[in-house]
Amino acid sequence: MHYPAEKKKLVDNAQNKDAPEEVMDLINKLPEKTYTSPIDITKEIGKIE
């Protein structure tokens, strides 16, 4: 995965790699924005749970 990446790219990448349903649920809950790194994604997931 290359960064920066928009949410749609994260969703598409996860689907192409057959991510588990739990992972897809989390990605789908992420805000629509451009993510600059995996850490950026992790921070947003921490706000969801």
Protein backbone atom coordinates (compact mmCIF):
# COMPACT_ATOMS: atom_id res chain seq x y z
CA MET A 1 0.00 0.00 0.00
CA HIS A 2 1.32 3.41 -0.93
CA TYR A 3 0.59 6.56 1.03
CA PRO A 4 -0.99 9.03 1.00
CA ALA A 5 -4.19 7.04 0.39
CA GLU A 6 -7.84 7.99 0.45
CA LYS A 7 -10.41 5.84 2.26
CA LYS A 8 -11.64 4.37 -1.05
CA LYS A 9 -8.13 3.09 -1.78
CA LEU A 10 -7.98 1.49 1.68
CA VAL A 11 -11.32 -0.25 1.10
CA ASP A 12 -10.33 -1.44 -2.38
CA ASN A 13 -6.97 -2.74 -1.15
CA ALA A 14 -8.56 -4.63 1.75
CA GLN A 15 -11.19 -6.19 -0.53
CA ASN A 16 -8.54 -7.26 -3.05
CA LYS A 17 -6.62 -8.99 -0.25
CA ASP A 18 -9.76 -10.74 1.07
CA ALA A 19 -9.60 -8.98 4.44
CA PRO A 20 -11.76 -10.50 7.18
CA GLU A 21 -15.21 -9.00 7.75
CA GLU A 22 -14.08 -7.42 11.04
CA VAL A 23 -11.32 -5.54 9.24
CA MET A 24 -13.70 -4.39 6.51
CA ASP A 25 -16.15 -3.15 9.16
CA LEU A 26 -13.43 -1.02 10.76
CA ILE A 27 -12.21 0.39 7.46
CA ASN A 28 -15.75 1.26 6.44
CA LYS A 29 -16.20 3.20 9.71
CA LEU A 30 -13.14 5.37 9.04
CA PRO A 31 -13.75 9.02 8.18
CA GLU A 32 -13.50 10.08 4.55
CA LYS A 33 -10.04 11.62 4.37
CA THR A 34 -6.56 11.08 3.02
CA TYR A 35 -4.39 8.92 5.27
CA THR A 36 -0.67 9.62 5.28
CA SER A 37 0.57 6.42 6.95
CA PRO A 38 -0.53 3.21 8.69
CA ILE A 39 -0.13 5.08 11.99
CA ASP A 40 -2.66 7.66 10.78
CA ILE A 41 -5.15 4.83 10.15
CA THR A 42 -4.44 3.25 13.55
CA LYS A 43 -5.13 6.57 15.30
CA GLU A 44 -8.50 6.88 13.57
CA ILE A 45 -9.42 3.27 14.44
CA GLY A 46 -8.60 4.05 18.07
CA LYS A 47 -11.24 6.78 17.97
CA ILE A 48 -13.87 4.33 16.67
CA GLU A 49 -13.55 1.53 19.21
